[in-house]
């Protein structure tokens, strides 16, 4: 479920990038503890380089 939600968030951010400054996704402590959690959203963002949040955080 977590990967599906994050994938949809990336897709929506691409669709609505002209109207949104950011997208929030809730993550459970259990998900954060999973060893493959951090690479998964990093891979999703790397796969969508035009996503506004795929680069370094803005200041």
N, C-alpha and C. Protein backbone atom coordinates (compact mmCIF):
# COMPACT_ATOMS: atom_id res chain seq x y z
N UNK A 1 0.82 -1.19 0.00
CA UNK A 1 0.00 0.00 0.00
C UNK A 1 0.86 1.26 0.00
N UNK A 2 1.92 1.29 0.77
CA UNK A 2 2.76 2.49 0.88
C UNK A 2 3.34 2.92 -0.46
N UNK A 3 3.85 1.97 -1.23
CA UNK A 3 4.42 2.32 -2.52
C UNK A 3 3.35 2.86 -3.47
N UNK A 4 2.18 2.27 -3.42
CA UNK A 4 1.09 2.74 -4.27
C UNK A 4 0.73 4.19 -3.93
N UNK A 5 0.63 4.51 -2.66
CA UNK A 5 0.28 5.87 -2.23
C UNK A 5 1.37 6.85 -2.65
N UNK A 6 2.62 6.49 -2.46
CA UNK A 6 3.71 7.39 -2.85
C UNK A 6 3.76 7.57 -4.36
N UNK A 7 3.53 6.49 -5.09
CA UNK A 7 3.50 6.59 -6.57
C UNK A 7 2.39 7.54 -7.02
N UNK A 8 1.21 7.41 -6.41
CA UNK A 8 0.09 8.30 -6.76
C UNK A 8 0.41 9.76 -6.39
N UNK A 9 1.08 9.96 -5.28
CA UNK A 9 1.46 11.32 -4.87
C UNK A 9 2.41 11.94 -5.89
N UNK A 10 3.35 11.17 -6.39
CA UNK A 10 4.27 11.69 -7.41
C UNK A 10 3.50 12.01 -8.69
N UNK A 11 2.62 11.13 -9.10
CA UNK A 11 1.83 11.36 -10.31
C UNK A 11 0.95 12.59 -10.16
N UNK A 12 0.29 12.72 -9.02
CA UNK A 12 -0.55 13.90 -8.78
C UNK A 12 0.28 15.17 -8.75
N UNK A 13 1.46 15.10 -8.16
CA UNK A 13 2.30 16.30 -8.11
C UNK A 13 2.70 16.75 -9.51
N UNK A 14 2.90 15.79 -10.41
CA UNK A 14 3.20 16.14 -11.80
C UNK A 14 1.98 16.78 -12.47
N UNK A 15 0.81 16.24 -12.19
CA UNK A 15 -0.42 16.76 -12.81
C UNK A 15 -0.78 18.14 -12.28
N UNK A 16 -0.50 18.39 -11.02
CA UNK A 16 -0.94 19.63 -10.37
C UNK A 16 0.21 20.58 -10.04
N UNK A 17 1.37 20.38 -10.63
CA UNK A 17 2.56 21.14 -10.25
C UNK A 17 2.38 22.65 -10.40
N UNK A 18 1.51 23.09 -11.28
CA UNK A 18 1.27 24.52 -11.44
C UNK A 18 0.43 25.10 -10.31
N UNK A 19 -0.21 24.25 -9.52
CA UNK A 19 -1.15 24.71 -8.51
C UNK A 19 -0.72 24.37 -7.08
N UNK A 20 0.26 23.50 -6.92
CA UNK A 20 0.67 23.05 -5.59
C UNK A 20 2.10 23.47 -5.29
N UNK A 21 2.35 23.84 -4.04
CA UNK A 21 3.72 24.12 -3.62
C UNK A 21 4.38 22.87 -3.05
N UNK A 22 3.58 21.96 -2.51
CA UNK A 22 4.12 20.74 -1.94
C UNK A 22 3.02 19.69 -1.82
N UNK A 23 3.43 18.46 -1.59
CA UNK A 23 2.52 17.35 -1.36
C UNK A 23 2.96 16.66 -0.07
N UNK A 24 2.02 16.36 0.79
CA UNK A 24 2.32 15.65 2.03
C UNK A 24 1.78 14.23 1.96
N UNK A 25 2.55 13.30 2.48
CA UNK A 25 2.12 11.91 2.55
C UNK A 25 2.46 11.42 3.96
N UNK A 26 1.48 10.88 4.64
CA UNK A 26 1.72 10.33 5.97
C UNK A 26 2.42 8.98 5.85
N UNK A 27 3.40 8.78 6.71
CA UNK A 27 4.16 7.54 6.75
C UNK A 27 4.14 7.03 8.18
N UNK A 28 3.87 5.74 8.34
CA UNK A 28 3.81 5.17 9.69
C UNK A 28 5.22 4.85 10.20
N UNK A 29 5.38 4.78 11.53
CA UNK A 29 6.68 4.37 12.08
C UNK A 29 7.10 2.99 11.58
N UNK A 30 6.15 2.11 11.36
CA UNK A 30 6.48 0.78 10.85
C UNK A 30 7.09 0.87 9.46
N UNK A 31 6.52 1.74 8.61
CA UNK A 31 7.08 1.91 7.26
C UNK A 31 8.49 2.49 7.33
N UNK A 32 8.70 3.47 8.22
CA UNK A 32 10.03 4.06 8.34
C UNK A 32 11.07 3.05 8.79
N UNK A 33 10.64 2.06 9.57
CA UNK A 33 11.56 1.04 10.07
C UNK A 33 11.89 -0.02 9.03
N UNK A 34 11.14 -0.10 7.96
CA UNK A 34 11.41 -1.09 6.92
C UNK A 34 12.71 -0.73 6.19
N UNK A 35 13.59 -1.71 6.00
CA UNK A 35 14.89 -1.41 5.40
C UNK A 35 14.82 -0.89 3.96
N UNK A 36 13.77 -1.21 3.23
CA UNK A 36 13.67 -0.75 1.84
C UNK A 36 12.82 0.50 1.68
N UNK A 37 12.43 1.14 2.80
CA UNK A 37 11.55 2.30 2.67
C UNK A 37 12.25 3.50 2.03
N UNK A 38 13.40 3.89 2.52
CA UNK A 38 14.07 5.09 2.00
C UNK A 38 14.43 4.94 0.52
N UNK A 39 14.98 3.82 0.09
CA UNK A 39 15.27 3.70 -1.35
C UNK A 39 14.02 3.75 -2.24
N UNK A 40 12.90 3.28 -1.73
CA UNK A 40 11.69 3.22 -2.56
C UNK A 40 11.23 4.62 -3.00
N UNK A 41 11.00 5.59 -2.11
CA UNK A 41 10.60 6.92 -2.61
C UNK A 41 11.73 7.60 -3.38
N UNK A 42 12.98 7.34 -3.01
CA UNK A 42 14.09 7.90 -3.78
C UNK A 42 14.07 7.39 -5.21
N UNK A 43 13.80 6.10 -5.38
CA UNK A 43 13.71 5.52 -6.73
C UNK A 43 12.52 6.09 -7.49
N UNK A 44 11.40 6.28 -6.79
CA UNK A 44 10.21 6.85 -7.45
C UNK A 44 10.52 8.26 -7.97
N UNK A 45 11.16 9.07 -7.15
CA UNK A 45 11.49 10.43 -7.58
C UNK A 45 12.53 10.42 -8.69
N UNK A 46 13.49 9.52 -8.62
CA UNK A 46 14.50 9.43 -9.68
C UNK A 46 13.87 9.00 -11.01
N UNK A 47 12.82 8.21 -10.93
CA UNK A 47 12.14 7.76 -12.14
C UNK A 47 11.30 8.86 -12.78
N UNK A 48 11.04 9.91 -12.03
CA UNK A 48 10.23 11.04 -12.51
C UNK A 48 11.00 12.34 -12.30
N UNK A 49 12.05 12.57 -13.09
CA UNK A 49 12.89 13.75 -12.86
C UNK A 49 12.18 15.08 -13.07
N UNK A 50 11.04 15.09 -13.73
CA UNK A 50 10.31 16.34 -13.91
C UNK A 50 9.41 16.66 -12.72
N UNK A 51 9.33 15.75 -11.77
CA UNK A 51 8.55 16.01 -10.57
C UNK A 51 9.21 17.15 -9.81
N UNK A 52 8.44 18.16 -9.39
CA UNK A 52 9.02 19.31 -8.71
C UNK A 52 9.80 18.95 -7.45
N UNK A 53 9.53 17.81 -6.86
CA UNK A 53 10.18 17.43 -5.61
C UNK A 53 11.26 16.39 -5.82
N UNK A 54 11.66 16.14 -7.06
CA UNK A 54 12.68 15.13 -7.30
C UNK A 54 14.09 15.67 -7.14
N UNK A 55 14.24 16.98 -7.05
CA UNK A 55 15.56 17.57 -6.86
C UNK A 55 15.75 17.92 -5.40
N UNK A 56 16.83 18.58 -5.10
CA UNK A 56 17.14 18.97 -3.72
C UNK A 56 16.03 19.86 -3.18
N UNK A 57 15.80 19.79 -1.85
CA UNK A 57 14.77 20.64 -1.25
C UNK A 57 15.07 22.11 -1.49
N UNK A 58 14.02 22.86 -1.66
CA UNK A 58 14.17 24.31 -1.88
C UNK A 58 14.43 25.01 -0.56
N UNK A 59 15.16 26.13 -0.60
CA UNK A 59 15.40 26.91 0.60
C UNK A 59 14.28 27.88 0.84
